Amino acid sequence: MNFFIRPETPADIAGIHALTAAAFANAPHSGHTEPFIVDALRARGELQVSLLAVDDGLLLGHVAVSPVAISDGSPGWYGLGPISVGPAWQGQGIGTALMHAALEALRQQHARGCVLLGEPAYYHRFGFRAETALVPPGVPAGYFQALCLQPPLPQGEVRYSPAFEATA
């Protein structure tokens, strides 16, 4: 497979919505709101990074990165997700490539760090760790992870955009 990664364009919006819906259609821990979250982040102007994996015009995967607020006032922190790979293309390295590209984009923007909610066994290889200093309200602690790009690690409650409450 010869895919490449590029930023989203306005022509990609409907495809990203469909891809994200398909990627999470059978996910056991999903509320199936992920495409609406991406749409709401875009509408709020909060998609700091929005990258696509594309092969010959076909959208294979997408990753969204948006700002998060930390109660201690630490600036420059972002939340990664949703990250989506179409069901037919999962397990082929597309998600890994999107992760690396999103983290590189954050490094180029001089971000201080990134948080995400996901499977520790998967995200550990990208440097993410559960950090007790960062507390997400209402989230299982072991699945909430952080990657500090520029120390020090902040301490406090992490708040995602209201876009993460989108349901339609």
N, C-alpha and C. Protein backbone atom coordinates (compact mmCIF):
# COMPACT_ATOMS: atom_id res chain seq x y z
N MET A 1 0.85 -1.18 0.00
CA MET A 1 0.00 0.00 0.00
C MET A 1 0.90 1.24 0.00
N ASN A 2 0.60 2.16 -0.88
CA ASN A 2 1.39 3.39 -1.01
C ASN A 2 0.58 4.60 -0.56
N PHE A 3 0.38 4.74 0.72
CA PHE A 3 -0.37 5.90 1.20
C PHE A 3 0.59 7.00 1.60
N PHE A 4 0.06 8.21 1.63
CA PHE A 4 0.81 9.34 2.14
C PHE A 4 -0.08 10.11 3.09
N ILE A 5 0.53 10.98 3.88
CA ILE A 5 -0.21 11.74 4.89
C ILE A 5 -0.18 13.21 4.51
N ARG A 6 -1.35 13.83 4.59
CA ARG A 6 -1.46 15.25 4.26
C ARG A 6 -2.52 15.90 5.14
N PRO A 7 -2.49 17.24 5.23
CA PRO A 7 -3.54 17.95 5.97
C PRO A 7 -4.89 17.82 5.27
N GLU A 8 -5.96 17.92 6.04
CA GLU A 8 -7.29 17.91 5.43
C GLU A 8 -7.50 19.17 4.60
N THR A 9 -8.41 19.07 3.64
CA THR A 9 -8.87 20.22 2.86
C THR A 9 -10.39 20.28 3.00
N PRO A 10 -11.01 21.40 2.64
CA PRO A 10 -12.47 21.47 2.72
C PRO A 10 -13.17 20.35 1.93
N ALA A 11 -12.58 19.89 0.86
CA ALA A 11 -13.19 18.83 0.06
C ALA A 11 -13.21 17.48 0.78
N ASP A 12 -12.44 17.35 1.86
CA ASP A 12 -12.34 16.09 2.60
C ASP A 12 -13.37 15.93 3.71
N ILE A 13 -14.09 16.98 4.05
CA ILE A 13 -14.90 16.99 5.28
C ILE A 13 -15.93 15.86 5.31
N ALA A 14 -16.69 15.67 4.25
CA ALA A 14 -17.70 14.60 4.24
C ALA A 14 -17.03 13.23 4.31
N GLY A 15 -15.91 13.07 3.63
CA GLY A 15 -15.18 11.81 3.66
C GLY A 15 -14.63 11.50 5.03
N ILE A 16 -14.14 12.51 5.74
CA ILE A 16 -13.63 12.31 7.10
C ILE A 16 -14.76 11.86 8.02
N HIS A 17 -15.93 12.49 7.87
CA HIS A 17 -17.08 12.11 8.70
C HIS A 17 -17.43 10.63 8.46
N ALA A 18 -17.53 10.24 7.19
CA ALA A 18 -17.89 8.86 6.86
C ALA A 18 -16.82 7.87 7.32
N LEU A 19 -15.56 8.22 7.12
CA LEU A 19 -14.45 7.35 7.54
C LEU A 19 -14.47 7.16 9.05
N THR A 20 -14.65 8.24 9.79
CA THR A 20 -14.65 8.17 11.26
C THR A 20 -15.83 7.34 11.75
N ALA A 21 -16.99 7.52 11.15
CA ALA A 21 -18.16 6.71 11.53
C ALA A 21 -17.90 5.23 11.28
N ALA A 22 -17.32 4.90 10.13
CA ALA A 22 -17.04 3.50 9.80
C ALA A 22 -16.00 2.91 10.75
N ALA A 23 -14.98 3.70 11.06
CA ALA A 23 -13.90 3.21 11.92
C ALA A 23 -14.39 2.84 13.32
N PHE A 24 -15.39 3.57 13.82
CA PHE A 24 -15.87 3.34 15.18
C PHE A 24 -17.19 2.56 15.23
N ALA A 25 -17.70 2.13 14.08
CA ALA A 25 -19.02 1.48 14.03
C ALA A 25 -19.11 0.26 14.94
N ASN A 26 -18.05 -0.51 15.02
CA ASN A 26 -18.08 -1.74 15.82
C ASN A 26 -17.15 -1.67 17.03
N ALA A 27 -16.69 -0.47 17.38
CA ALA A 27 -15.79 -0.32 18.53
C ALA A 27 -16.57 -0.50 19.83
N PRO A 28 -16.15 -1.43 20.69
CA PRO A 28 -16.94 -1.74 21.89
C PRO A 28 -17.02 -0.60 22.91
N HIS A 29 -16.02 0.28 22.96
CA HIS A 29 -16.02 1.34 23.98
C HIS A 29 -16.42 2.69 23.39
N SER A 30 -17.07 2.67 22.24
CA SER A 30 -17.43 3.90 21.56
C SER A 30 -18.89 4.25 21.80
N GLY A 31 -19.15 5.54 21.94
CA GLY A 31 -20.52 6.02 21.97
C GLY A 31 -20.99 6.39 20.58
N HIS A 32 -20.13 6.14 19.57
CA HIS A 32 -20.41 6.42 18.16
C HIS A 32 -20.65 7.90 17.89
N THR A 33 -20.02 8.73 18.70
CA THR A 33 -20.13 10.19 18.52
C THR A 33 -18.87 10.77 17.87
N GLU A 34 -17.87 9.94 17.58
CA GLU A 34 -16.58 10.43 17.09
C GLU A 34 -16.68 11.31 15.84
N PRO A 35 -17.51 10.96 14.83
CA PRO A 35 -17.58 11.86 13.67
C PRO A 35 -18.17 13.22 14.03
N PHE A 36 -19.09 13.23 14.99
CA PHE A 36 -19.69 14.50 15.41
C PHE A 36 -18.69 15.34 16.20
N ILE A 37 -17.82 14.67 16.95
CA ILE A 37 -16.77 15.38 17.70
C ILE A 37 -15.83 16.07 16.72
N VAL A 38 -15.39 15.36 15.69
CA VAL A 38 -14.49 15.97 14.70
C VAL A 38 -15.18 17.15 14.02
N ASP A 39 -16.45 16.98 13.64
CA ASP A 39 -17.20 18.08 13.01
C ASP A 39 -17.29 19.28 13.95
N ALA A 40 -17.57 19.03 15.22
CA ALA A 40 -17.71 20.12 16.19
C ALA A 40 -16.37 20.81 16.44
N LEU A 41 -15.28 20.03 16.51
CA LEU A 41 -13.96 20.65 16.67
C LEU A 41 -13.66 21.57 15.49
N ARG A 42 -13.97 21.11 14.29
CA ARG A 42 -13.74 21.92 13.09
C ARG A 42 -14.59 23.19 13.14
N ALA A 43 -15.87 23.04 13.48
CA ALA A 43 -16.78 24.18 13.53
C ALA A 43 -16.33 25.22 14.56
N ARG A 44 -15.71 24.76 15.63
CA ARG A 44 -15.23 25.67 16.68
C ARG A 44 -13.84 26.23 16.37
N GLY A 45 -13.25 25.82 15.26
CA GLY A 45 -11.90 26.28 14.91
C GLY A 45 -10.83 25.68 15.80
N GLU A 46 -11.08 24.48 16.31
CA GLU A 46 -10.17 23.88 17.29
C GLU A 46 -9.38 22.68 16.75
N LEU A 47 -9.43 22.44 15.46
CA LEU A 47 -8.61 21.35 14.91
C LEU A 47 -7.20 21.90 14.69
N GLN A 48 -6.37 21.77 15.69
CA GLN A 48 -5.00 22.25 15.60
C GLN A 48 -4.22 21.45 14.56
N VAL A 49 -4.48 20.15 14.53
CA VAL A 49 -3.89 19.24 13.54
C VAL A 49 -5.02 18.35 13.05
N SER A 50 -5.13 18.23 11.73
CA SER A 50 -6.12 17.33 11.12
C SER A 50 -5.47 16.72 9.89
N LEU A 51 -5.01 15.49 10.05
CA LEU A 51 -4.23 14.83 9.01
C LEU A 51 -4.95 13.60 8.48
N LEU A 52 -4.74 13.34 7.20
CA LEU A 52 -5.34 12.19 6.52
C LEU A 52 -4.26 11.28 5.96
N ALA A 53 -4.52 9.99 6.01
CA ALA A 53 -3.75 9.00 5.25
C ALA A 53 -4.56 8.73 3.99
N VAL A 54 -3.90 8.91 2.83
CA VAL A 54 -4.58 8.84 1.54
C VAL A 54 -3.81 7.93 0.60
N ASP A 55 -4.55 7.13 -0.16
CA ASP A 55 -3.95 6.29 -1.19
C ASP A 55 -4.77 6.47 -2.47
N ASP A 56 -4.17 7.09 -3.47
CA ASP A 56 -4.82 7.30 -4.76
C ASP A 56 -6.20 7.95 -4.61
N GLY A 57 -6.27 8.97 -3.76
CA GLY A 57 -7.51 9.71 -3.55
C GLY A 57 -8.45 9.09 -2.53
N LEU A 58 -8.16 7.89 -2.07
CA LEU A 58 -9.02 7.20 -1.11
C LEU A 58 -8.57 7.53 0.31
N LEU A 59 -9.51 7.97 1.15
CA LEU A 59 -9.20 8.30 2.53
C LEU A 59 -9.14 7.00 3.35
N LEU A 60 -7.97 6.73 3.92
CA LEU A 60 -7.76 5.50 4.68
C LEU A 60 -7.82 5.72 6.18
N GLY A 61 -7.37 6.91 6.63
CA GLY A 61 -7.33 7.20 8.05
C GLY A 61 -7.29 8.69 8.31
N HIS A 62 -7.58 9.06 9.54
CA HIS A 62 -7.61 10.47 9.94
C HIS A 62 -7.23 10.58 11.41
N VAL A 63 -6.55 11.67 11.75
CA VAL A 63 -6.26 11.98 13.15
C VAL A 63 -6.57 13.44 13.40
N ALA A 64 -7.19 13.69 14.55
CA ALA A 64 -7.53 15.04 14.99
C ALA A 64 -6.76 15.36 16.27
N VAL A 65 -6.28 16.58 16.36
CA VAL A 65 -5.61 17.07 17.56
C VAL A 65 -6.19 18.44 17.88
N SER A 66 -6.57 18.64 19.15
CA SER A 66 -7.19 19.90 19.57
C SER A 66 -6.62 20.34 20.91
N PRO A 67 -6.73 21.63 21.22
CA PRO A 67 -6.21 22.12 22.50
C PRO A 67 -6.99 21.56 23.69
N VAL A 68 -6.28 21.36 24.79
CA VAL A 68 -6.91 21.03 26.07
C VAL A 68 -6.51 22.10 27.07
N ALA A 69 -7.32 22.26 28.10
CA ALA A 69 -7.01 23.20 29.18
C ALA A 69 -6.59 22.39 30.40
N ILE A 70 -5.57 22.87 31.09
CA ILE A 70 -5.11 22.24 32.33
C ILE A 70 -5.31 23.24 33.44
N SER A 71 -5.89 22.77 34.55
CA SER A 71 -6.31 23.68 35.62
C SER A 71 -5.17 24.48 36.22
N ASP A 72 -3.90 24.03 36.08
CA ASP A 72 -2.79 24.82 36.61
C ASP A 72 -2.39 25.95 35.67
N GLY A 73 -3.09 26.06 34.51
CA GLY A 73 -2.83 27.14 33.57
C GLY A 73 -1.72 26.85 32.58
N SER A 74 -1.16 25.66 32.59
CA SER A 74 -0.08 25.32 31.66
C SER A 74 -0.55 25.45 30.22
N PRO A 75 0.16 26.24 29.41
CA PRO A 75 -0.23 26.41 28.01
C PRO A 75 0.40 25.32 27.13
N GLY A 76 -0.08 25.23 25.89
CA GLY A 76 0.56 24.42 24.88
C GLY A 76 0.32 22.94 24.95
N TRP A 77 -0.77 22.53 25.60
CA TRP A 77 -1.11 21.11 25.68
C TRP A 77 -2.29 20.80 24.78
N TYR A 78 -2.26 19.59 24.19
CA TYR A 78 -3.25 19.19 23.20
C TYR A 78 -3.76 17.80 23.49
N GLY A 79 -4.96 17.53 22.99
CA GLY A 79 -5.53 16.19 23.06
C GLY A 79 -5.53 15.56 21.68
N LEU A 80 -5.04 14.34 21.60
CA LEU A 80 -5.02 13.61 20.34
C LEU A 80 -6.23 12.71 20.29
N GLY A 81 -7.00 12.82 19.23
CA GLY A 81 -8.16 11.98 19.02
C GLY A 81 -9.38 12.80 18.65
N PRO A 82 -10.28 12.16 17.98
CA PRO A 82 -10.24 10.77 17.57
C PRO A 82 -9.19 10.50 16.49
N ILE A 83 -8.70 9.28 16.49
CA ILE A 83 -7.86 8.76 15.42
C ILE A 83 -8.63 7.60 14.81
N SER A 84 -8.76 7.61 13.50
CA SER A 84 -9.62 6.66 12.80
C SER A 84 -8.88 6.03 11.63
N VAL A 85 -9.04 4.72 11.48
CA VAL A 85 -8.57 4.02 10.29
C VAL A 85 -9.74 3.18 9.80
N GLY A 86 -10.04 3.28 8.52
CA GLY A 86 -11.13 2.52 7.95
C GLY A 86 -10.97 1.03 8.24
N PRO A 87 -12.07 0.34 8.51
CA PRO A 87 -12.00 -1.08 8.89
C PRO A 87 -11.18 -1.94 7.92
N ALA A 88 -11.27 -1.69 6.64
CA ALA A 88 -10.56 -2.51 5.65
C ALA A 88 -9.05 -2.29 5.68
N TRP A 89 -8.61 -1.22 6.32
CA TRP A 89 -7.17 -0.88 6.31
C TRP A 89 -6.53 -0.94 7.68
N GLN A 90 -7.26 -1.40 8.68
CA GLN A 90 -6.69 -1.49 10.02
C GLN A 90 -5.63 -2.58 10.06
N GLY A 91 -4.62 -2.37 10.90
CA GLY A 91 -3.55 -3.34 11.05
C GLY A 91 -2.50 -3.29 9.97
N GLN A 92 -2.47 -2.19 9.19
CA GLN A 92 -1.50 -2.07 8.10
C GLN A 92 -0.54 -0.91 8.30
N GLY A 93 -0.46 -0.40 9.53
CA GLY A 93 0.51 0.66 9.83
C GLY A 93 0.01 2.07 9.61
N ILE A 94 -1.23 2.23 9.21
CA ILE A 94 -1.77 3.56 8.93
C ILE A 94 -1.94 4.37 10.22
N GLY A 95 -2.49 3.73 11.25
CA GLY A 95 -2.64 4.42 12.54
C GLY A 95 -1.30 4.83 13.11
N THR A 96 -0.31 3.96 13.01
CA THR A 96 1.04 4.28 13.49
C THR A 96 1.60 5.48 12.74
N ALA A 97 1.46 5.49 11.42
CA ALA A 97 1.96 6.60 10.62
C ALA A 97 1.25 7.91 10.98
N LEU A 98 -0.06 7.83 11.20
CA LEU A 98 -0.81 9.03 11.61
C LEU A 98 -0.36 9.54 12.97
N MET A 99 -0.12 8.62 13.90
CA MET A 99 0.37 9.02 15.23
C MET A 99 1.70 9.75 15.12
N HIS A 100 2.64 9.17 14.39
CA HIS A 100 3.95 9.81 14.24
C HIS A 100 3.82 11.18 13.58
N ALA A 101 2.98 11.28 12.55
CA ALA A 101 2.81 12.56 11.85
C ALA A 101 2.17 13.61 12.76
N ALA A 102 1.17 13.20 13.55
CA ALA A 102 0.51 14.15 14.45
C ALA A 102 1.48 14.64 15.53
N LEU A 103 2.26 13.73 16.09
CA LEU A 103 3.22 14.14 17.12
C LEU A 103 4.32 15.02 16.54
N GLU A 104 4.74 14.73 15.32
CA GLU A 104 5.74 15.59 14.67
C GLU A 104 5.16 16.98 14.41
N ALA A 105 3.90 17.05 13.99
CA ALA A 105 3.25 18.35 13.78
C ALA A 105 3.21 19.14 15.09
N LEU A 106 2.92 18.47 16.20
CA LEU A 106 2.91 19.15 17.50
C LEU A 106 4.31 19.63 17.87
N ARG A 107 5.32 18.82 17.62
CA ARG A 107 6.70 19.25 17.90
C ARG A 107 7.06 20.48 17.08
N GLN A 108 6.66 20.49 15.81
CA GLN A 108 6.96 21.64 14.95
C GLN A 108 6.24 22.89 15.41
N GLN A 109 5.11 22.71 16.08
CA GLN A 109 4.36 23.86 16.60
C GLN A 109 4.80 24.22 18.02
N HIS A 110 5.85 23.57 18.50
CA HIS A 110 6.40 23.82 19.83
C HIS A 110 5.40 23.55 20.95
N ALA A 111 4.55 22.55 20.73
CA ALA A 111 3.61 22.14 21.78
C ALA A 111 4.39 21.64 22.99
N ARG A 112 3.81 21.80 24.15
CA ARG A 112 4.45 21.33 25.38
C ARG A 112 4.13 19.87 25.67
N GLY A 113 2.95 19.41 25.19
CA GLY A 113 2.59 18.03 25.44
C GLY A 113 1.27 17.65 24.83
N CYS A 114 0.96 16.37 24.97
CA CYS A 114 -0.23 15.82 24.37
C CYS A 114 -0.82 14.77 25.31
N VAL A 115 -2.14 14.73 25.37
CA VAL A 115 -2.84 13.72 26.15
C VAL A 115 -3.77 12.95 25.21
N LEU A 116 -4.15 11.77 25.65
CA LEU A 116 -5.12 10.99 24.89
C LEU A 116 -5.79 9.98 25.80
N LEU A 117 -6.87 9.47 25.31
CA LEU A 117 -7.61 8.42 25.99
C LEU A 117 -7.55 7.20 25.08
N GLY A 118 -6.91 6.13 25.54
CA GLY A 118 -6.79 4.97 24.68
C GLY A 118 -6.12 3.80 25.37
N GLU A 119 -5.93 2.77 24.61
CA GLU A 119 -5.37 1.51 25.09
C GLU A 119 -3.89 1.68 25.43
N PRO A 120 -3.52 1.54 26.71
CA PRO A 120 -2.12 1.74 27.11
C PRO A 120 -1.13 0.88 26.33
N ALA A 121 -1.47 -0.36 26.06
CA ALA A 121 -0.53 -1.25 25.35
C ALA A 121 -0.21 -0.72 23.96
N TYR A 122 -1.14 -0.04 23.34
CA TYR A 122 -0.90 0.52 22.00
C TYR A 122 -0.11 1.82 22.06
N TYR A 123 -0.55 2.75 22.90
CA TYR A 123 0.03 4.09 22.88
C TYR A 123 1.35 4.21 23.64
N HIS A 124 1.68 3.21 24.44
CA HIS A 124 2.95 3.21 25.17
C HIS A 124 4.14 3.32 24.21
N ARG A 125 4.04 2.70 23.05
CA ARG A 125 5.17 2.71 22.10
C ARG A 125 5.45 4.08 21.49
N PHE A 126 4.51 5.00 21.65
CA PHE A 126 4.72 6.37 21.17
C PHE A 126 5.22 7.29 22.29
N GLY A 127 5.42 6.72 23.47
CA GLY A 127 5.92 7.49 24.60
C GLY A 127 4.86 7.94 25.59
N PHE A 128 3.62 7.60 25.35
CA PHE A 128 2.54 8.00 26.26
C PHE A 128 2.57 7.14 27.52
N ARG A 129 2.29 7.78 28.65
CA ARG A 129 2.27 7.11 29.94
C ARG A 129 1.11 7.67 30.77
N ALA A 130 0.58 6.84 31.64
CA ALA A 130 -0.39 7.34 32.61
C ALA A 130 0.38 8.22 33.58
N GLU A 131 -0.09 9.42 33.80
CA GLU A 131 0.57 10.39 34.69
C GLU A 131 -0.43 10.79 35.76
N THR A 132 -0.12 10.47 37.01
CA THR A 132 -1.06 10.77 38.10
C THR A 132 -1.21 12.27 38.35
N ALA A 133 -0.27 13.08 37.84
CA ALA A 133 -0.36 14.53 38.02
C ALA A 133 -1.44 15.15 37.14
N LEU A 134 -1.84 14.45 36.11
CA LEU A 134 -2.88 14.95 35.20
C LEU A 134 -4.14 14.12 35.40
N VAL A 135 -5.22 14.81 35.70
CA VAL A 135 -6.46 14.14 36.07
C VAL A 135 -7.56 14.53 35.09
N PRO A 136 -8.09 13.54 34.39
CA PRO A 136 -9.25 13.82 33.53
C PRO A 136 -10.53 13.49 34.27
N PRO A 137 -11.45 14.42 34.41
CA PRO A 137 -12.68 14.11 35.14
C PRO A 137 -13.49 13.03 34.42
N GLY A 138 -13.89 12.02 35.18
CA GLY A 138 -14.78 10.99 34.67
C GLY A 138 -14.16 10.00 33.69
N VAL A 139 -12.85 9.86 33.71
CA VAL A 139 -12.17 8.98 32.76
C VAL A 139 -11.37 7.94 33.55
N PRO A 140 -11.38 6.67 33.11
CA PRO A 140 -10.56 5.66 33.78
C PRO A 140 -9.07 6.04 33.72
N ALA A 141 -8.45 6.18 34.86
CA ALA A 141 -7.10 6.72 34.95
C ALA A 141 -6.08 5.97 34.10
N GLY A 142 -6.12 4.66 34.05
CA GLY A 142 -5.12 3.91 33.30
C GLY A 142 -5.17 4.15 31.81
N TYR A 143 -6.32 4.55 31.29
CA TYR A 143 -6.48 4.77 29.86
C TYR A 143 -6.19 6.21 29.45
N PHE A 144 -6.08 7.10 30.42
CA PHE A 144 -5.74 8.49 30.14
C PHE A 144 -4.23 8.61 30.24
N GLN A 145 -3.60 9.04 29.15
CA GLN A 145 -2.14 9.06 29.08
C GLN A 145 -1.63 10.38 28.56
N ALA A 146 -0.38 10.67 28.88
CA ALA A 146 0.24 11.93 28.47
C ALA A 146 1.62 11.68 27.90
N LEU A 147 2.01 12.58 27.02
CA LEU A 147 3.36 12.62 26.48
C LEU A 147 3.85 14.05 26.65
N CYS A 148 4.83 14.25 27.53
CA CYS A 148 5.39 15.58 27.77
C CYS A 148 6.47 15.83 26.72
N LEU A 149 6.27 16.84 25.87
CA LEU A 149 7.23 17.17 24.83
C LEU A 149 8.25 18.21 25.31
N GLN A 150 7.82 19.06 26.25
CA GLN A 150 8.69 20.08 26.83
C GLN A 150 8.41 20.15 28.32
N PRO A 151 9.31 19.59 29.14
CA PRO A 151 9.10 19.65 30.59
C PRO A 151 9.01 21.09 31.07
N PRO A 152 8.38 21.28 32.22
CA PRO A 152 7.91 20.29 33.18
C PRO A 152 6.52 19.77 32.84
N LEU A 153 6.20 18.62 33.40
CA LEU A 153 4.86 18.06 33.28
C LEU A 153 3.93 18.88 34.16
N PRO A 154 2.82 19.36 33.61
CA PRO A 154 1.89 20.13 34.44
C PRO A 154 1.16 19.22 35.44
N GLN A 155 0.47 19.85 36.36
CA GLN A 155 -0.34 19.13 37.34
C GLN A 155 -1.71 19.77 37.39
N GLY A 156 -2.73 18.94 37.29
CA GLY A 156 -4.07 19.47 37.40
C GLY A 156 -5.09 18.69 36.61
N GLU A 157 -6.29 19.23 36.60
CA GLU A 157 -7.39 18.62 35.88
C GLU A 157 -7.32 19.02 34.41
N VAL A 158 -7.49 18.04 33.53
CA VAL A 158 -7.45 18.28 32.09
C VAL A 158 -8.88 18.37 31.57
N ARG A 159 -9.15 19.41 30.81
CA ARG A 159 -10.48 19.61 30.22
C ARG A 159 -10.36 19.65 28.70
N TYR A 160 -11.14 18.79 28.06
CA TYR A 160 -11.25 18.80 26.61
C TYR A 160 -12.26 19.85 26.18
N SER A 161 -12.25 20.18 24.91
CA SER A 161 -13.21 21.12 24.33
C SER A 161 -14.64 20.64 24.55
N PRO A 162 -15.57 21.57 24.65
CA PRO A 162 -16.99 21.18 24.68
C PRO A 162 -17.40 20.39 23.43
N ALA A 163 -16.61 20.45 22.38
CA ALA A 163 -16.91 19.68 21.16
C ALA A 163 -16.97 18.19 21.45
N PHE A 164 -16.28 17.73 22.48
CA PHE A 164 -16.27 16.30 22.82
C PHE A 164 -17.61 15.83 23.40
N GLU A 165 -18.53 16.77 23.62
CA GLU A 165 -19.87 16.42 24.08
C GLU A 165 -20.86 16.32 22.92
N ALA A 166 -20.38 16.55 21.69
CA ALA A 166 -21.26 16.52 20.51
C ALA A 166 -21.86 15.13 20.33
N THR A 167 -23.13 15.10 20.00
CA THR A 167 -23.81 13.82 19.78
C THR A 167 -24.51 13.76 18.41
N ALA A 168 -24.50 14.85 17.69
CA ALA A 168 -25.13 14.88 16.37
C ALA A 168 -24.54 16.00 15.55
